[in-house]
Amino acid sequence: MADSDRVRFSRQHINARCKTLVTYRLLIHLGNGVYDITREGKQYLTGELDARNLGAE
């Protein structure tokens, strides 16, 4: 995506999206802009978890 002329994004946008995913327990913030995917995040990506059933913390 970073090499494509069709996709525009900023670090601030990515950080904001990651923070949102943290509130739904799909990512965990490790510090200094580093995030890791959670078990629930992996389940979501494989289609095993319906995100409509998640509640924000």
PDB file of N, CA and C in Angstrom:
ATOM      1  N   MET A   1       0.823  -1.192   0.000  1.00  0.00           N
ATOM      2  CA  MET A   1       0.000   0.000   0.000  1.00  0.00           C
ATOM      3  C   MET A   1       0.868   1.258   0.000  1.00  0.00           C
ATOM      4  N   ALA A   2       1.963   1.216   0.740  1.00  0.00           N
ATOM      5  CA  ALA A   2       2.799   2.407   0.837  1.00  0.00           C
ATOM      6  C   ALA A   2       3.375   2.807  -0.504  1.00  0.00           C
ATOM      7  N   ASP A   3       3.582   1.857  -1.395  1.00  0.00           N
ATOM      8  CA  ASP A   3       4.158   2.145  -2.702  1.00  0.00           C
ATOM      9  C   ASP A   3       3.110   2.535  -3.742  1.00  0.00           C
ATOM     10  N   SER A   4       1.859   2.392  -3.416  1.00  0.00           N
ATOM     11  CA  SER A   4       0.788   2.679  -4.364  1.00  0.00           C
ATOM     12  C   SER A   4       0.449   4.163  -4.359  1.00  0.00           C
ATOM     13  N   ASP A   5       0.190   4.699  -5.544  1.00  0.00           N
ATOM     14  CA  ASP A   5      -0.268   6.085  -5.650  1.00  0.00           C
ATOM     15  C   ASP A   5      -1.740   6.211  -5.298  1.00  0.00           C
ATOM     16  N   ARG A   6      -2.443   5.101  -5.178  1.00  0.00           N
ATOM     17  CA  ARG A   6      -3.883   5.122  -4.922  1.00  0.00           C
ATOM     18  C   ARG A   6      -4.223   5.222  -3.446  1.00  0.00           C
ATOM     19  N   VAL A   7      -3.301   4.872  -2.590  1.00  0.00           N
ATOM     20  CA  VAL A   7      -3.586   4.840  -1.154  1.00  0.00           C
ATOM     21  C   VAL A   7      -2.810   5.961  -0.471  1.00  0.00           C
ATOM     22  N   ARG A   8      -3.536   6.792   0.225  1.00  0.00           N
ATOM     23  CA  ARG A   8      -2.920   7.881   0.985  1.00  0.00           C
ATOM     24  C   ARG A   8      -3.260   7.684   2.453  1.00  0.00           C
ATOM     25  N   PHE A   9      -2.263   7.725   3.286  1.00  0.00           N
ATOM     26  CA  PHE A   9      -2.510   7.615   4.718  1.00  0.00           C
ATOM     27  C   PHE A   9      -1.396   8.322   5.465  1.00  0.00           C
ATOM     28  N   SER A  10      -1.662   8.652   6.692  1.00  0.00           N
ATOM     29  CA  SER A  10      -0.668   9.303   7.532  1.00  0.00           C
ATOM     30  C   SER A  10      -0.446   8.465   8.778  1.00  0.00           C
ATOM     31  N   ARG A  11       0.642   8.709   9.438  1.00  0.00           N
ATOM     32  CA  ARG A  11       0.918   8.002  10.691  1.00  0.00           C
ATOM     33  C   ARG A  11      -0.166   8.294  11.715  1.00  0.00           C
ATOM     34  N   GLN A  12      -0.658   9.524  11.720  1.00  0.00           N
ATOM     35  CA  GLN A  12      -1.710   9.896  12.663  1.00  0.00           C
ATOM     36  C   GLN A  12      -2.974   9.085  12.396  1.00  0.00           C
ATOM     37  N   HIS A  13      -3.293   8.887  11.127  1.00  0.00           N
ATOM     38  CA  HIS A  13      -4.491   8.113  10.771  1.00  0.00           C
ATOM     39  C   HIS A  13      -4.322   6.661  11.219  1.00  0.00           C
ATOM     40  N   ILE A  14      -3.175   6.080  10.933  1.00  0.00           N
ATOM     41  CA  ILE A  14      -2.923   4.689  11.326  1.00  0.00           C
ATOM     42  C   ILE A  14      -2.953   4.555  12.843  1.00  0.00           C
ATOM     43  N   ASN A  15      -2.345   5.496  13.553  1.00  0.00           N
ATOM     44  CA  ASN A  15      -2.344   5.454  15.011  1.00  0.00           C
ATOM     45  C   ASN A  15      -3.758   5.544  15.568  1.00  0.00           C
ATOM     46  N   ALA A  16      -4.571   6.411  14.995  1.00  0.00           N
ATOM     47  CA  ALA A  16      -5.961   6.546  15.447  1.00  0.00           C
ATOM     48  C   ALA A  16      -6.735   5.246  15.228  1.00  0.00           C
ATOM     49  N   ARG A  17      -6.533   4.611  14.074  1.00  0.00           N
ATOM     50  CA  ARG A  17      -7.223   3.339  13.781  1.00  0.00           C
ATOM     51  C   ARG A  17      -6.763   2.250  14.738  1.00  0.00           C
ATOM     52  N   CYS A  18      -5.463   2.206  15.003  1.00  0.00           N
ATOM     53  CA  CYS A  18      -4.942   1.188  15.930  1.00  0.00           C
ATOM     54  C   CYS A  18      -5.512   1.391  17.332  1.00  0.00           C
ATOM     55  N   LYS A  19      -5.604   2.640  17.768  1.00  0.00           N
ATOM     56  CA  LYS A  19      -6.181   2.917  19.090  1.00  0.00           C
ATOM     57  C   LYS A  19      -7.628   2.431  19.163  1.00  0.00           C
ATOM     58  N   THR A  20      -8.365   2.599  18.073  1.00  0.00           N
ATOM     59  CA  THR A  20      -9.739   2.101  18.031  1.00  0.00           C
ATOM     60  C   THR A  20      -9.758   0.574  18.157  1.00  0.00           C
ATOM     61  N   LEU A  21      -8.875  -0.092  17.439  1.00  0.00           N
ATOM     62  CA  LEU A  21      -8.808  -1.558  17.512  1.00  0.00           C
ATOM     63  C   LEU A  21      -8.405  -2.039  18.901  1.00  0.00           C
ATOM     64  N   VAL A  22      -7.603  -1.247  19.615  1.00  0.00           N
ATOM     65  CA  VAL A  22      -7.239  -1.585  21.000  1.00  0.00           C
ATOM     66  C   VAL A  22      -8.483  -1.564  21.883  1.00  0.00           C
ATOM     67  N   THR A  23      -9.370  -0.590  21.679  1.00  0.00           N
ATOM     68  CA  THR A  23     -10.567  -0.506  22.521  1.00  0.00           C
ATOM     69  C   THR A  23     -11.485  -1.710  22.332  1.00  0.00           C
ATOM     70  N   TYR A  24     -11.364  -2.382  21.193  1.00  0.00           N
ATOM     71  CA  TYR A  24     -12.166  -3.578  20.938  1.00  0.00           C
ATOM     72  C   TYR A  24     -11.378  -4.869  21.163  1.00  0.00           C
ATOM     73  N   ARG A  25     -10.199  -4.722  21.762  1.00  0.00           N
ATOM     74  CA  ARG A  25      -9.336  -5.855  22.124  1.00  0.00           C
ATOM     75  C   ARG A  25      -8.860  -6.664  20.912  1.00  0.00           C
ATOM     76  N   LEU A  26      -8.761  -6.031  19.748  1.00  0.00           N
ATOM     77  CA  LEU A  26      -8.239  -6.703  18.562  1.00  0.00           C
ATOM     78  C   LEU A  26      -6.735  -6.493  18.421  1.00  0.00           C
ATOM     79  N   LEU A  27      -6.229  -5.417  19.031  1.00  0.00           N
ATOM     80  CA  LEU A  27      -4.802  -5.138  19.108  1.00  0.00           C
ATOM     81  C   LEU A  27      -4.442  -4.820  20.545  1.00  0.00           C
ATOM     82  N   ILE A  28      -3.157  -4.950  20.859  1.00  0.00           N
ATOM     83  CA  ILE A  28      -2.640  -4.505  22.154  1.00  0.00           C
ATOM     84  C   ILE A  28      -1.497  -3.532  21.874  1.00  0.00           C
ATOM     85  N   HIS A  29      -1.490  -2.416  22.610  1.00  0.00           N
ATOM     86  CA  HIS A  29      -0.458  -1.392  22.432  1.00  0.00           C
ATOM     87  C   HIS A  29       0.741  -1.759  23.285  1.00  0.00           C
ATOM     88  N   LEU A  30       1.900  -1.915  22.649  1.00  0.00           N
ATOM     89  CA  LEU A  30       3.121  -2.287  23.357  1.00  0.00           C
ATOM     90  C   LEU A  30       3.984  -1.079  23.694  1.00  0.00           C
ATOM     91  N   GLY A  31       3.644   0.090  23.154  1.00  0.00           N
ATOM     92  CA  GLY A  31       4.403   1.308  23.414  1.00  0.00           C
ATOM     93  C   GLY A  31       5.172   1.764  22.188  1.00  0.00           C
ATOM     94  N   ASN A  32       5.502   3.044  22.155  1.00  0.00           N
ATOM     95  CA  ASN A  32       6.291   3.646  21.075  1.00  0.00           C
ATOM     96  C   ASN A  32       5.736   3.357  19.685  1.00  0.00           C
ATOM     97  N   GLY A  33       4.417   3.355  19.534  1.00  0.00           N
ATOM     98  CA  GLY A  33       3.799   3.135  18.235  1.00  0.00           C
ATOM     99  C   GLY A  33       3.803   1.693  17.770  1.00  0.00           C
ATOM    100  N   VAL A  34       4.091   0.768  18.684  1.00  0.00           N
ATOM    101  CA  VAL A  34       4.142  -0.655  18.334  1.00  0.00           C
ATOM    102  C   VAL A  34       2.881  -1.332  18.867  1.00  0.00           C
ATOM    103  N   TYR A  35       2.232  -2.103  17.994  1.00  0.00           N
ATOM    104  CA  TYR A  35       1.024  -2.827  18.346  1.00  0.00           C
ATOM    105  C   TYR A  35       1.206  -4.294  17.993  1.00  0.00           C
ATOM    106  N   ASP A  36       0.489  -5.150  18.700  1.00  0.00           N
ATOM    107  CA  ASP A  36       0.493  -6.582  18.398  1.00  0.00           C
ATOM    108  C   ASP A  36      -0.958  -7.031  18.300  1.00  0.00           C
ATOM    109  N   ILE A  37      -1.183  -8.008  17.474  1.00  0.00           N
ATOM    110  CA  ILE A  37      -2.537  -8.528  17.301  1.00  0.00           C
ATOM    111  C   ILE A  37      -2.853  -9.512  18.433  1.00  0.00           C
ATOM    112  N   THR A  38      -4.075  -9.455  18.918  1.00  0.00           N
ATOM    113  CA  THR A  38      -4.510 -10.339  19.991  1.00  0.00           C
ATOM    114  C   THR A  38      -5.110 -11.621  19.418  1.00  0.00           C
ATOM    115  N   ARG A  39      -5.425 -12.535  20.302  1.00  0.00           N
ATOM    116  CA  ARG A  39      -6.091 -13.771  19.885  1.00  0.00           C
ATOM    117  C   ARG A  39      -7.411 -13.433  19.203  1.00  0.00           C
ATOM    118  N   GLU A  40      -8.153 -12.486  19.777  1.00  0.00           N
ATOM    119  CA  GLU A  40      -9.417 -12.066  19.179  1.00  0.00           C
ATOM    120  C   GLU A  40      -9.195 -11.417  17.820  1.00  0.00           C
ATOM    121  N   GLY A  41      -8.125 -10.652  17.680  1.00  0.00           N
ATOM    122  CA  GLY A  41      -7.804 -10.035  16.406  1.00  0.00           C
ATOM    123  C   GLY A  41      -7.528 -11.076  15.331  1.00  0.00           C
ATOM    124  N   LYS A  42      -6.805 -12.127  15.700  1.00  0.00           N
ATOM    125  CA  LYS A  42      -6.533 -13.219  14.755  1.00  0.00           C
ATOM    126  C   LYS A  42      -7.826 -13.939  14.383  1.00  0.00           C
ATOM    127  N   GLN A  43      -8.695 -14.141  15.368  1.00  0.00           N
ATOM    128  CA  GLN A  43      -9.978 -14.788  15.093  1.00  0.00           C
ATOM    129  C   GLN A  43     -10.823 -13.934  14.144  1.00  0.00           C
ATOM    130  N   TYR A  44     -10.795 -12.632  14.330  1.00  0.00           N
ATOM    131  CA  TYR A  44     -11.534 -11.727  13.444  1.00  0.00           C
ATOM    132  C   TYR A  44     -11.014 -11.844  12.011  1.00  0.00           C
ATOM    133  N   LEU A  45      -9.694 -11.843  11.863  1.00  0.00           N
ATOM    134  CA  LEU A  45      -9.104 -11.903  10.523  1.00  0.00           C
ATOM    135  C   LEU A  45      -9.406 -13.211   9.806  1.00  0.00           C
ATOM    136  N   THR A  46      -9.552 -14.294  10.556  1.00  0.00           N
ATOM    137  CA  THR A  46      -9.843 -15.586   9.934  1.00  0.00           C
ATOM    138  C   THR A  46     -11.339 -15.826   9.774  1.00  0.00           C
ATOM    139  N   GLY A  47     -12.163 -14.871  10.220  1.00  0.00           N
ATOM    140  CA  GLY A  47     -13.608 -14.996  10.073  1.00  0.00           C
ATOM    141  C   GLY A  47     -14.267 -15.798  11.182  1.00  0.00           C
ATOM    142  N   GLU A  48     -13.527 -16.104  12.240  1.00  0.00           N
ATOM    143  CA  GLU A  48     -14.070 -16.878  13.354  1.00  0.00           C
ATOM    144  C   GLU A  48     -14.777 -15.997  14.388  1.00  0.00           C
ATOM    145  N   LEU A  49     -14.597 -14.679  14.295  1.00  0.00           N
ATOM    146  CA  LEU A  49     -15.164 -13.768  15.270  1.00  0.00           C
ATOM    147  C   LEU A  49     -15.953 -12.693  14.534  1.00  0.00           C
ATOM    148  N   ASP A  50     -17.180 -12.494  14.942  1.00  0.00           N
ATOM    149  CA  ASP A  50     -18.030 -11.462  14.368  1.00  0.00           C
ATOM    150  C   ASP A  50     -17.819 -10.180  15.185  1.00  0.00           C
ATOM    151  N   ALA A  51     -17.262  -9.158  14.560  1.00  0.00           N
ATOM    152  CA  ALA A  51     -16.952  -7.915  15.257  1.00  0.00           C
ATOM    153  C   ALA A  51     -18.200  -7.212  15.786  1.00  0.00           C
ATOM    154  N   ARG A  52     -19.360  -7.541  15.271  1.00  0.00           N
ATOM    155  CA  ARG A  52     -20.598  -6.928  15.777  1.00  0.00           C
ATOM    156  C   ARG A  52     -20.873  -7.336  17.205  1.00  0.00           C
ATOM    157  N   ASN A  53     -20.255  -8.424  17.653  1.00  0.00           N
ATOM    158  CA  ASN A  53     -20.461  -8.906  19.010  1.00  0.00           C
ATOM    159  C   ASN A  53     -19.476  -8.310  20.006  1.00  0.00           C
ATOM    160  N   LEU A  54     -18.556  -7.477  19.539  1.00  0.00           N
ATOM    161  CA  LEU A  54     -17.551  -6.883  20.411  1.00  0.00           C
ATOM    162  C   LEU A  54     -18.065  -5.582  21.003  1.00  0.00           C
ATOM    163  N   GLY A  55     -17.695  -5.322  22.231  1.00  0.00           N
ATOM    164  CA  GLY A  55     -18.014  -4.065  22.870  1.00  0.00           C
ATOM    165  C   GLY A  55     -16.732  -3.339  23.198  1.00  0.00           C
ATOM    166  N   ALA A  56     -16.746  -2.034  23.093  1.00  0.00           N
ATOM    167  CA  ALA A  56     -15.547  -1.235  23.419  1.00  0.00           C
ATOM    168  C   ALA A  56     -15.340  -1.240  24.916  1.00  0.00           C
ATOM    169  N   GLU A  57     -14.080  -1.188  25.300  1.00  0.00           N
ATOM    170  CA  GLU A  57     -13.735  -1.127  26.734  1.00  0.00           C
ATOM    171  C   GLU A  57     -13.875   0.276  27.239  1.00  0.00           C
TER     172      GLU A  57
END
